[in-house]
N, C-alpha and C. Protein backbone atom coordinates (compact mmCIF):
# COMPACT_ATOMS: atom_id res chain seq x y z
N MET A 1 -81.63 -26.39 69.64
CA MET A 1 -82.87 -27.02 70.23
C MET A 1 -83.21 -26.48 71.55
N ASP A 2 -83.96 -25.33 71.39
CA ASP A 2 -84.33 -24.71 72.76
C ASP A 2 -85.68 -24.12 72.61
N ASN A 3 -86.76 -25.07 72.56
CA ASN A 3 -88.09 -24.53 72.53
C ASN A 3 -88.94 -25.55 73.13
N ASN A 4 -90.29 -25.38 73.19
CA ASN A 4 -91.19 -26.22 73.86
C ASN A 4 -91.08 -27.61 73.18
N ALA A 5 -91.20 -27.70 71.84
CA ALA A 5 -91.13 -28.99 71.15
C ALA A 5 -89.94 -29.79 71.60
N ALA A 6 -88.73 -29.16 71.68
CA ALA A 6 -87.55 -29.86 72.12
C ALA A 6 -87.61 -30.43 73.53
N ARG A 7 -88.18 -29.66 74.41
CA ARG A 7 -88.42 -29.96 75.85
C ARG A 7 -89.32 -31.12 75.94
N VAL A 8 -90.41 -31.18 75.19
CA VAL A 8 -91.34 -32.25 75.29
C VAL A 8 -90.73 -33.51 74.64
N PHE A 9 -89.81 -33.28 73.62
CA PHE A 9 -89.26 -34.45 73.05
C PHE A 9 -88.30 -35.01 73.98
N ARG A 10 -87.56 -34.22 74.78
CA ARG A 10 -86.58 -34.69 75.75
C ARG A 10 -87.33 -35.44 76.86
N TYR A 11 -88.40 -34.96 77.27
CA TYR A 11 -89.27 -35.68 78.36
C TYR A 11 -89.77 -36.98 77.82
N ALA A 12 -90.27 -36.94 76.59
CA ALA A 12 -90.80 -38.16 76.01
C ALA A 12 -89.78 -39.26 75.88
N ALA A 13 -88.45 -38.81 75.36
CA ALA A 13 -87.42 -39.76 75.25
C ALA A 13 -87.05 -40.44 76.53
N ILE A 14 -87.01 -39.54 77.63
CA ILE A 14 -86.67 -40.14 78.91
C ILE A 14 -87.76 -41.01 79.48
N GLY A 15 -89.03 -40.58 79.26
CA GLY A 15 -90.12 -41.38 79.72
C GLY A 15 -90.32 -42.67 78.99
N GLU A 16 -89.99 -42.76 77.74
CA GLU A 16 -89.95 -43.96 76.94
C GLU A 16 -88.85 -44.90 77.40
N ALA A 17 -87.79 -44.38 77.77
CA ALA A 17 -86.67 -45.20 78.21
C ALA A 17 -87.01 -45.89 79.64
N CYS A 18 -87.59 -45.01 80.48
CA CYS A 18 -88.01 -45.36 81.86
C CYS A 18 -89.06 -46.50 81.79
N SER A 19 -89.98 -46.34 80.75
CA SER A 19 -91.12 -47.30 80.61
C SER A 19 -90.51 -48.58 80.17
N TRP A 20 -89.52 -48.57 79.35
CA TRP A 20 -88.71 -49.72 78.89
C TRP A 20 -88.17 -50.49 80.07
N LEU A 21 -87.63 -49.73 80.87
CA LEU A 21 -86.96 -50.35 82.15
C LEU A 21 -88.04 -51.07 82.98
N GLY A 22 -89.14 -50.41 83.18
CA GLY A 22 -90.27 -51.08 83.92
C GLY A 22 -90.76 -52.29 83.25
N LEU A 23 -90.92 -52.27 81.94
CA LEU A 23 -91.42 -53.41 81.18
C LEU A 23 -90.34 -54.46 81.25
N LEU A 24 -89.12 -54.18 81.02
CA LEU A 24 -88.11 -55.25 81.25
C LEU A 24 -88.00 -55.88 82.57
N VAL A 25 -88.24 -55.13 83.56
CA VAL A 25 -88.18 -55.64 84.99
C VAL A 25 -89.42 -56.50 85.16
N GLY A 26 -90.51 -56.01 84.62
CA GLY A 26 -91.78 -56.91 84.66
C GLY A 26 -91.64 -58.09 83.96
N MET A 27 -91.05 -58.15 82.82
CA MET A 27 -90.78 -59.41 82.03
C MET A 27 -89.88 -60.34 82.69
N PHE A 28 -88.82 -59.80 83.30
CA PHE A 28 -87.94 -60.62 84.13
C PHE A 28 -88.70 -61.37 85.26
N PHE A 29 -89.53 -60.60 85.90
CA PHE A 29 -90.41 -61.30 87.00
C PHE A 29 -91.27 -62.34 86.45
N LYS A 30 -91.92 -61.94 85.35
CA LYS A 30 -92.89 -62.94 84.75
C LYS A 30 -92.32 -64.20 84.27
N TYR A 31 -91.15 -64.08 83.50
CA TYR A 31 -90.69 -65.30 82.95
C TYR A 31 -89.44 -65.94 83.77
N VAL A 32 -88.82 -65.25 84.66
CA VAL A 32 -87.80 -65.85 85.39
C VAL A 32 -87.97 -66.13 86.84
N VAL A 33 -88.50 -65.14 87.60
CA VAL A 33 -88.46 -65.13 89.02
C VAL A 33 -89.74 -65.82 89.54
N VAL A 34 -90.86 -65.27 89.42
CA VAL A 34 -92.09 -65.75 90.08
C VAL A 34 -93.26 -66.16 89.14
N GLU A 35 -92.98 -66.04 87.79
CA GLU A 35 -94.07 -66.29 86.82
C GLU A 35 -95.40 -65.61 87.16
N ASN A 36 -95.33 -64.38 87.57
CA ASN A 36 -96.48 -63.46 87.87
C ASN A 36 -96.46 -62.43 86.83
N GLU A 37 -97.51 -62.08 86.07
CA GLU A 37 -97.43 -61.18 85.02
C GLU A 37 -97.98 -59.82 85.40
N ILE A 38 -98.10 -59.45 86.65
CA ILE A 38 -98.60 -58.16 87.11
C ILE A 38 -97.69 -57.00 86.56
N GLY A 39 -96.37 -57.26 86.52
CA GLY A 39 -95.48 -56.08 86.05
C GLY A 39 -95.74 -55.86 84.58
N VAL A 40 -95.89 -56.88 83.81
CA VAL A 40 -96.13 -56.70 82.39
C VAL A 40 -97.48 -56.12 82.19
N LYS A 41 -98.51 -56.41 82.93
CA LYS A 41 -99.81 -55.80 82.83
C LYS A 41 -99.89 -54.34 83.22
N VAL A 42 -99.07 -53.97 84.17
CA VAL A 42 -98.88 -52.66 84.56
C VAL A 42 -98.00 -51.73 83.53
N PHE A 43 -96.86 -52.20 83.26
CA PHE A 43 -95.94 -51.51 82.47
C PHE A 43 -96.16 -51.65 81.00
N GLY A 44 -96.76 -52.63 80.58
CA GLY A 44 -97.04 -52.84 79.04
C GLY A 44 -97.85 -51.65 78.52
N PRO A 45 -98.92 -51.38 79.01
CA PRO A 45 -99.70 -50.06 78.59
C PRO A 45 -99.10 -48.84 78.78
N ILE A 46 -98.27 -48.68 79.94
CA ILE A 46 -97.52 -47.46 80.09
C ILE A 46 -96.47 -47.30 79.07
N HIS A 47 -95.73 -48.37 78.70
CA HIS A 47 -94.74 -48.35 77.63
C HIS A 47 -95.33 -48.04 76.30
N GLY A 48 -96.51 -48.58 76.03
CA GLY A 48 -97.24 -48.40 74.71
C GLY A 48 -97.49 -46.90 74.66
N ALA A 49 -97.97 -46.31 75.76
CA ALA A 49 -98.48 -44.91 75.71
C ALA A 49 -97.25 -43.95 75.58
N MET A 50 -96.12 -44.39 76.24
CA MET A 50 -94.87 -43.54 76.05
C MET A 50 -94.23 -43.73 74.70
N PHE A 51 -94.26 -44.82 74.09
CA PHE A 51 -93.87 -45.11 72.79
C PHE A 51 -94.58 -44.14 71.75
N VAL A 52 -95.89 -44.12 71.87
CA VAL A 52 -96.72 -43.26 70.96
C VAL A 52 -96.39 -41.85 71.28
N ALA A 53 -96.29 -41.40 72.53
CA ALA A 53 -95.99 -40.02 72.96
C ALA A 53 -94.51 -39.66 72.31
N TYR A 54 -93.60 -40.58 72.37
CA TYR A 54 -92.28 -40.33 71.83
C TYR A 54 -92.41 -40.06 70.21
N LEU A 55 -93.17 -40.89 69.66
CA LEU A 55 -93.26 -40.65 68.18
C LEU A 55 -93.92 -39.39 67.78
N VAL A 56 -94.91 -38.96 68.58
CA VAL A 56 -95.63 -37.67 68.39
C VAL A 56 -94.71 -36.55 68.60
N ALA A 57 -93.95 -36.66 69.75
CA ALA A 57 -93.02 -35.57 70.12
C ALA A 57 -91.93 -35.50 68.93
N LEU A 58 -91.52 -36.68 68.50
CA LEU A 58 -90.52 -36.72 67.42
C LEU A 58 -90.92 -36.03 66.15
N ALA A 59 -92.27 -36.23 65.80
CA ALA A 59 -92.76 -35.61 64.67
C ALA A 59 -92.95 -34.12 64.90
N TRP A 60 -93.27 -33.78 66.04
CA TRP A 60 -93.39 -32.22 66.42
C TRP A 60 -92.13 -31.54 66.27
N VAL A 61 -91.08 -32.17 67.00
CA VAL A 61 -89.71 -31.54 66.99
C VAL A 61 -89.15 -31.47 65.55
N THR A 62 -89.46 -32.59 64.77
CA THR A 62 -88.94 -32.65 63.39
C THR A 62 -89.50 -31.42 62.58
N VAL A 63 -90.71 -31.11 62.81
CA VAL A 63 -91.36 -29.97 62.00
C VAL A 63 -90.75 -28.65 62.56
N LYS A 64 -90.70 -28.60 63.86
CA LYS A 64 -90.29 -27.18 64.48
C LYS A 64 -88.80 -26.97 64.13
N GLU A 65 -87.99 -28.01 64.25
CA GLU A 65 -86.56 -27.83 63.98
C GLU A 65 -86.05 -28.00 62.58
N ARG A 66 -87.13 -28.29 61.65
CA ARG A 66 -86.89 -28.45 60.24
C ARG A 66 -85.78 -29.64 59.96
N TRP A 67 -85.91 -30.67 60.73
CA TRP A 67 -85.04 -31.84 60.49
C TRP A 67 -85.34 -32.51 59.27
N GLY A 68 -84.36 -33.13 58.58
CA GLY A 68 -84.54 -33.92 57.40
C GLY A 68 -85.08 -35.23 57.73
N PHE A 69 -85.51 -35.95 56.57
CA PHE A 69 -86.00 -37.22 56.72
C PHE A 69 -85.18 -38.26 57.39
N ALA A 70 -83.78 -38.10 57.07
CA ALA A 70 -82.90 -39.08 57.70
C ALA A 70 -82.84 -39.04 59.14
N ARG A 71 -82.89 -37.81 59.77
CA ARG A 71 -82.83 -37.64 61.17
C ARG A 71 -84.16 -38.17 61.74
N LEU A 72 -85.23 -37.94 61.08
CA LEU A 72 -86.53 -38.43 61.54
C LEU A 72 -86.55 -39.98 61.53
N ALA A 73 -86.05 -40.58 60.53
CA ALA A 73 -86.03 -41.99 60.37
C ALA A 73 -85.03 -42.66 61.53
N VAL A 74 -84.04 -41.97 61.77
CA VAL A 74 -83.08 -42.52 62.85
C VAL A 74 -83.81 -42.39 64.19
N GLY A 75 -84.45 -41.26 64.39
CA GLY A 75 -85.27 -41.06 65.69
C GLY A 75 -86.38 -42.14 65.87
N ALA A 76 -87.03 -42.37 64.75
CA ALA A 76 -88.05 -43.37 64.81
C ALA A 76 -87.41 -44.85 65.10
N ALA A 77 -86.44 -45.08 64.46
CA ALA A 77 -85.64 -46.41 64.69
C ALA A 77 -85.17 -46.50 66.05
N ALA A 78 -84.82 -45.39 66.58
CA ALA A 78 -84.30 -45.37 67.94
C ALA A 78 -85.32 -45.81 69.10
N SER A 79 -86.57 -45.76 68.58
CA SER A 79 -87.61 -46.05 69.65
C SER A 79 -87.81 -47.58 69.78
N ILE A 80 -87.20 -48.31 68.92
CA ILE A 80 -87.38 -49.81 68.98
C ILE A 80 -86.49 -50.42 70.05
N PRO A 81 -85.13 -50.35 70.07
CA PRO A 81 -84.30 -50.96 71.02
C PRO A 81 -84.44 -50.25 72.36
N PRO A 82 -84.30 -51.03 73.45
CA PRO A 82 -84.48 -50.40 74.83
C PRO A 82 -83.37 -49.24 74.97
N PHE A 83 -83.77 -48.18 75.57
CA PHE A 83 -82.93 -47.02 75.97
C PHE A 83 -82.19 -46.25 74.78
N THR A 84 -82.51 -46.61 73.60
CA THR A 84 -81.93 -45.87 72.45
C THR A 84 -82.43 -44.49 72.36
N THR A 85 -83.57 -44.21 72.82
CA THR A 85 -84.20 -42.97 72.70
C THR A 85 -83.37 -41.88 73.47
N LEU A 86 -82.68 -42.36 74.58
CA LEU A 86 -81.88 -41.56 75.33
C LEU A 86 -80.63 -41.07 74.57
N LEU A 87 -80.13 -42.15 73.86
CA LEU A 87 -78.86 -41.94 73.05
C LEU A 87 -79.21 -40.97 71.85
N PHE A 88 -80.32 -41.18 71.20
CA PHE A 88 -80.70 -40.33 70.17
C PHE A 88 -80.99 -38.90 70.53
N GLU A 89 -81.68 -38.68 71.72
CA GLU A 89 -81.87 -37.38 72.26
C GLU A 89 -80.57 -36.68 72.62
N TRP A 90 -79.64 -37.42 73.20
CA TRP A 90 -78.38 -36.87 73.62
C TRP A 90 -77.64 -36.48 72.32
N TRP A 91 -77.72 -37.27 71.25
CA TRP A 91 -77.02 -36.99 70.08
C TRP A 91 -77.57 -35.69 69.40
N VAL A 92 -78.97 -35.61 69.23
CA VAL A 92 -79.50 -34.43 68.59
C VAL A 92 -79.26 -33.13 69.36
N ARG A 93 -79.21 -33.20 70.66
CA ARG A 93 -78.90 -31.96 71.34
C ARG A 93 -77.44 -31.45 71.14
N ARG A 94 -76.46 -32.43 70.81
CA ARG A 94 -75.12 -32.02 70.64
C ARG A 94 -74.77 -31.81 69.07
N THR A 95 -75.57 -32.32 68.25
CA THR A 95 -75.29 -32.24 66.72
C THR A 95 -76.27 -31.38 66.17
N PRO A 96 -75.90 -30.22 65.67
CA PRO A 96 -76.83 -29.32 64.98
C PRO A 96 -77.36 -29.99 63.56
N ALA A 97 -78.60 -29.74 63.34
CA ALA A 97 -79.11 -30.25 62.10
C ALA A 97 -78.58 -29.27 61.03
N VAL A 98 -78.44 -29.89 59.86
CA VAL A 98 -78.00 -29.18 58.70
C VAL A 98 -79.15 -28.27 58.14
N ALA A 99 -78.97 -27.03 58.05
CA ALA A 99 -80.14 -26.15 57.63
C ALA A 99 -80.45 -26.44 56.25
N ARG A 100 -81.66 -26.52 55.84
CA ARG A 100 -82.08 -26.70 54.49
C ARG A 100 -82.18 -25.32 53.83
N ALA A 101 -81.89 -25.21 52.55
CA ALA A 101 -81.91 -23.94 51.97
C ALA A 101 -83.37 -23.65 51.37
């Protein structure tokens, strides 16, 4: 994985994880500390945009790298739990995709 699609995918995975962190901190302050929802109002849309950007980058790198459906499905599922996009990106950088004939 050494092209523009892979680079964009890496940045999208990192950005999505960082936006998760911001959203979780915002939720902590909203529901636990001060009951002020400004953090969620700020990081909610940011996280939504990064989520979509991650999925678009995932689709792009899937086409460019000729990944199979299973790898695409795992990558899409990795966008749901917090910080899992980082684990998935790390895994795909170290595990070569099986070439299709």
